[in-house]
Amino acid sequence: MNLEKLLRVFEILAIETALACANGVVSQAARSLEMNHSTLWMKIKRYEIDVEDFRDEMLSNYHGVFSGKTRGLSIHPGSVLRHDMIKAAMDTLEKNDWNRTHASAELGISVRTMRNLINEATMLGMCIQVSRRGRK
């Protein structure tokens, strides 16, 4: 694999990861990638990425972060990267006294995405505090 092809694969992976974390909201994904909104749209069109594939309705079926349009790359629910994403969300929640709104803002994701990560963490058997009052 040559360098250009490898960079393309990683750029697609980074864009799709940002879109998945932002539930398909391009402006939010652009902020997380620290790039201009219009530049991200240009890359989305160049790589023929369907933003609708990253909306919560598509992800709610729990098939992992990415759809089948990942050009050969996939991050499944049990993967190390997915586990790290969930762990980062749980660490940020704990740091923010389990306030989902503040933790979501700090991570640059929607509250809905945070809720989905919490649900996924629960399915993985992680102990989650459901409110700031100390209930578990």
C-alpha atoms as a PDB file:
ATOM      1  CA  MET A   1       0.000   0.000   0.000  1.00  0.00           C
ATOM      2  CA  ASN A   2       1.500   3.330  -0.985  1.00  0.00           C
ATOM      3  CA  LEU A   3       1.525   6.383   1.263  1.00  0.00           C
ATOM      4  CA  GLU A   4      -1.201   8.262  -0.647  1.00  0.00           C
ATOM      5  CA  LYS A   5      -3.600   5.343  -0.376  1.00  0.00           C
ATOM      6  CA  LEU A   6      -2.802   4.871   3.307  1.00  0.00           C
ATOM      7  CA  LEU A   7      -3.377   8.571   4.049  1.00  0.00           C
ATOM      8  CA  ARG A   8      -6.690   8.428   2.202  1.00  0.00           C
ATOM      9  CA  VAL A   9      -7.815   5.442   4.292  1.00  0.00           C
ATOM     10  CA  PHE A  10      -6.903   7.183   7.531  1.00  0.00           C
ATOM     11  CA  GLU A  11      -8.549  10.434   6.444  1.00  0.00           C
ATOM     12  CA  ILE A  12     -11.782   8.580   5.657  1.00  0.00           C
ATOM     13  CA  LEU A  13     -11.575   6.790   9.005  1.00  0.00           C
ATOM     14  CA  ALA A  14     -11.065  10.078  10.863  1.00  0.00           C
ATOM     15  CA  ILE A  15     -13.964  11.760   9.049  1.00  0.00           C
ATOM     16  CA  GLU A  16     -16.310   8.820   9.593  1.00  0.00           C
ATOM     17  CA  THR A  17     -15.321   8.587  13.265  1.00  0.00           C
ATOM     18  CA  ALA A  18     -15.992  12.311  13.754  1.00  0.00           C
ATOM     19  CA  LEU A  19     -19.340  12.019  11.956  1.00  0.00           C
ATOM     20  CA  ALA A  20     -20.325   9.012  14.050  1.00  0.00           C
ATOM     21  CA  CYS A  21     -19.429  10.812  17.277  1.00  0.00           C
ATOM     22  CA  ALA A  22     -21.360  13.872  16.104  1.00  0.00           C
ATOM     23  CA  ASN A  23     -24.399  11.844  14.968  1.00  0.00           C
ATOM     24  CA  GLY A  24     -23.881  13.055  11.418  1.00  0.00           C
ATOM     25  CA  VAL A  25     -23.770  16.759  12.317  1.00  0.00           C
ATOM     26  CA  VAL A  26     -21.090  18.039   9.942  1.00  0.00           C
ATOM     27  CA  SER A  27     -20.390  21.320  11.759  1.00  0.00           C
ATOM     28  CA  GLN A  28     -19.826  19.425  15.020  1.00  0.00           C
ATOM     29  CA  ALA A  29     -17.607  16.872  13.266  1.00  0.00           C
ATOM     30  CA  ALA A  30     -15.616  19.712  11.685  1.00  0.00           C
ATOM     31  CA  ARG A  31     -15.025  21.252  15.123  1.00  0.00           C
ATOM     32  CA  SER A  32     -13.806  17.946  16.515  1.00  0.00           C
ATOM     33  CA  LEU A  33     -11.427  17.575  13.560  1.00  0.00           C
ATOM     34  CA  GLU A  34     -10.353  21.214  13.969  1.00  0.00           C
ATOM     35  CA  MET A  35     -11.128  22.035  10.357  1.00  0.00           C
ATOM     36  CA  ASN A  36     -13.360  24.410   8.460  1.00  0.00           C
ATOM     37  CA  HIS A  37     -16.939  23.245   7.910  1.00  0.00           C
ATOM     38  CA  SER A  38     -16.734  23.796   4.139  1.00  0.00           C
ATOM     39  CA  THR A  39     -13.438  21.886   3.911  1.00  0.00           C
ATOM     40  CA  LEU A  40     -15.031  18.907   5.629  1.00  0.00           C
ATOM     41  CA  TRP A  41     -18.008  19.041   3.252  1.00  0.00           C
ATOM     42  CA  MET A  42     -15.576  19.056   0.313  1.00  0.00           C
ATOM     43  CA  LYS A  43     -13.847  15.924   1.669  1.00  0.00           C
ATOM     44  CA  ILE A  44     -17.192  14.233   2.396  1.00  0.00           C
ATOM     45  CA  LYS A  45     -18.203  14.771  -1.237  1.00  0.00           C
ATOM     46  CA  ARG A  46     -14.776  13.700  -2.549  1.00  0.00           C
ATOM     47  CA  TYR A  47     -14.897  10.415  -0.616  1.00  0.00           C
ATOM     48  CA  GLU A  48     -18.632   9.943  -1.301  1.00  0.00           C
ATOM     49  CA  ILE A  49     -19.469   9.592   2.388  1.00  0.00           C
ATOM     50  CA  ASP A  50     -23.202   9.528   3.104  1.00  0.00           C
ATOM     51  CA  VAL A  51     -23.728  11.695   6.196  1.00  0.00           C
ATOM     52  CA  GLU A  52     -27.156  10.146   6.763  1.00  0.00           C
ATOM     53  CA  ASP A  53     -25.433   6.848   7.602  1.00  0.00           C
ATOM     54  CA  PHE A  54     -24.166   8.470  10.797  1.00  0.00           C
ATOM     55  CA  ARG A  55     -27.451   9.779  12.153  1.00  0.00           C
ATOM     56  CA  ASP A  56     -28.607   8.222  15.458  1.00  0.00           C
ATOM     57  CA  GLU A  57     -31.522   6.476  13.785  1.00  0.00           C
ATOM     58  CA  MET A  58     -29.052   4.494  11.704  1.00  0.00           C
ATOM     59  CA  LEU A  59     -26.814   3.737  14.687  1.00  0.00           C
ATOM     60  CA  SER A  60     -29.601   2.644  17.010  1.00  0.00           C
ATOM     61  CA  ASN A  61     -29.599  -0.832  15.474  1.00  0.00           C
ATOM     62  CA  TYR A  62     -26.222  -1.375  17.180  1.00  0.00           C
ATOM     63  CA  HIS A  63     -24.131  -2.483  14.243  1.00  0.00           C
ATOM     64  CA  GLY A  64     -21.058  -0.602  15.442  1.00  0.00           C
ATOM     65  CA  VAL A  65     -19.962   2.902  14.650  1.00  0.00           C
ATOM     66  CA  PHE A  66     -19.660   2.537  10.911  1.00  0.00           C
ATOM     67  CA  SER A  67     -21.925   1.431   8.134  1.00  0.00           C
ATOM     68  CA  GLY A  68     -20.891  -0.847   5.316  1.00  0.00           C
ATOM     69  CA  LYS A  69     -19.538   2.133   3.365  1.00  0.00           C
ATOM     70  CA  THR A  70     -16.228   2.302   5.218  1.00  0.00           C
ATOM     71  CA  ARG A  71     -14.064   1.227   2.294  1.00  0.00           C
ATOM     72  CA  GLY A  72     -12.919  -1.946   4.032  1.00  0.00           C
ATOM     73  CA  LEU A  73     -12.493  -0.517   7.528  1.00  0.00           C
ATOM     74  CA  SER A  74     -14.826  -1.262  10.377  1.00  0.00           C
ATOM     75  CA  ILE A  75     -14.904  -0.610  14.081  1.00  0.00           C
ATOM     76  CA  HIS A  76     -17.136  -3.107  15.780  1.00  0.00           C
ATOM     77  CA  PRO A  77     -18.671  -2.706  19.236  1.00  0.00           C
ATOM     78  CA  GLY A  78     -16.084  -5.022  20.793  1.00  0.00           C
ATOM     79  CA  SER A  79     -13.056  -3.348  19.219  1.00  0.00           C
ATOM     80  CA  VAL A  80     -10.339  -1.613  21.190  1.00  0.00           C
ATOM     81  CA  LEU A  81     -11.069   1.775  19.589  1.00  0.00           C
ATOM     82  CA  ARG A  82     -14.776   1.533  20.432  1.00  0.00           C
ATOM     83  CA  HIS A  83     -13.940   0.486  23.995  1.00  0.00           C
ATOM     84  CA  ASP A  84     -11.570   3.470  24.303  1.00  0.00           C
ATOM     85  CA  MET A  85     -14.336   5.795  23.091  1.00  0.00           C
ATOM     86  CA  ILE A  86     -16.715   4.433  25.731  1.00  0.00           C
ATOM     87  CA  LYS A  87     -14.017   4.634  28.426  1.00  0.00           C
ATOM     88  CA  ALA A  88     -13.282   8.273  27.523  1.00  0.00           C
ATOM     89  CA  ALA A  89     -16.992   9.089  27.742  1.00  0.00           C
ATOM     90  CA  MET A  90     -17.302   7.414  31.157  1.00  0.00           C
ATOM     91  CA  ASP A  91     -14.162   9.169  32.456  1.00  0.00           C
ATOM     92  CA  THR A  92     -15.501  12.518  31.254  1.00  0.00           C
ATOM     93  CA  LEU A  93     -18.875  11.821  32.854  1.00  0.00           C
ATOM     94  CA  GLU A  94     -17.232  11.023  36.179  1.00  0.00           C
ATOM     95  CA  LYS A  95     -15.068  14.150  35.935  1.00  0.00           C
ATOM     96  CA  ASN A  96     -18.233  16.218  35.352  1.00  0.00           C
ATOM     97  CA  ASP A  97     -20.057  14.683  38.338  1.00  0.00           C
ATOM     98  CA  TRP A  98     -22.135  12.516  35.954  1.00  0.00           C
ATOM     99  CA  ASN A  99     -23.672  15.553  34.260  1.00  0.00           C
ATOM    100  CA  ARG A 100     -24.351  14.301  30.734  1.00  0.00           C
ATOM    101  CA  THR A 101     -24.813  17.759  29.258  1.00  0.00           C
ATOM    102  CA  HIS A 102     -21.462  19.064  30.528  1.00  0.00           C
ATOM    103  CA  ALA A 103     -19.615  15.858  29.656  1.00  0.00           C
ATOM    104  CA  SER A 104     -21.098  15.852  26.145  1.00  0.00           C
ATOM    105  CA  ALA A 105     -20.080  19.460  25.596  1.00  0.00           C
ATOM    106  CA  GLU A 106     -16.539  18.735  26.786  1.00  0.00           C
ATOM    107  CA  LEU A 107     -16.233  15.813  24.363  1.00  0.00           C
ATOM    108  CA  GLY A 108     -17.887  17.702  21.512  1.00  0.00           C
ATOM    109  CA  ILE A 109     -20.669  15.131  21.107  1.00  0.00           C
ATOM    110  CA  SER A 110     -24.417  15.358  21.439  1.00  0.00           C
ATOM    111  CA  VAL A 111     -26.252  14.365  24.605  1.00  0.00           C
ATOM    112  CA  ARG A 112     -27.955  11.673  22.506  1.00  0.00           C
ATOM    113  CA  THR A 113     -24.572  10.207  21.545  1.00  0.00           C
ATOM    114  CA  MET A 114     -23.572  10.284  25.206  1.00  0.00           C
ATOM    115  CA  ARG A 115     -26.762   8.410  26.054  1.00  0.00           C
ATOM    116  CA  ASN A 116     -25.962   5.802  23.419  1.00  0.00           C
ATOM    117  CA  LEU A 117     -22.436   5.381  24.781  1.00  0.00           C
ATOM    118  CA  ILE A 118     -23.850   4.974  28.296  1.00  0.00           C
ATOM    119  CA  ASN A 119     -26.276   2.326  27.031  1.00  0.00           C
ATOM    120  CA  GLU A 120     -23.447   0.531  25.271  1.00  0.00           C
ATOM    121  CA  ALA A 121     -21.285   0.691  28.410  1.00  0.00           C
ATOM    122  CA  THR A 122     -24.150  -0.798  30.402  1.00  0.00           C
ATOM    123  CA  MET A 123     -24.456  -3.628  27.870  1.00  0.00           C
ATOM    124  CA  LEU A 124     -20.720  -4.257  28.316  1.00  0.00           C
ATOM    125  CA  GLY A 125     -21.263  -4.584  32.065  1.00  0.00           C
ATOM    126  CA  MET A 126     -19.667  -1.310  33.142  1.00  0.00           C
ATOM    127  CA  CYS A 127     -21.074   0.203  36.327  1.00  0.00           C
ATOM    128  CA  ILE A 128     -22.773   3.471  35.381  1.00  0.00           C
ATOM    129  CA  GLN A 129     -24.050   6.120  37.755  1.00  0.00           C
ATOM    130  CA  VAL A 130     -27.404   7.235  36.371  1.00  0.00           C
ATOM    131  CA  SER A 131     -27.696  10.478  38.272  1.00  0.00           C
ATOM    132  CA  ARG A 132     -25.650  12.911  40.316  1.00  0.00           C
ATOM    133  CA  ARG A 133     -27.493  11.815  43.457  1.00  0.00           C
ATOM    134  CA  GLY A 134     -25.341   8.720  43.767  1.00  0.00           C
ATOM    135  CA  ARG A 135     -27.733   6.038  42.449  1.00  0.00           C
ATOM    136  CA  LYS A 136     -26.148   3.266  40.415  1.00  0.00           C
END
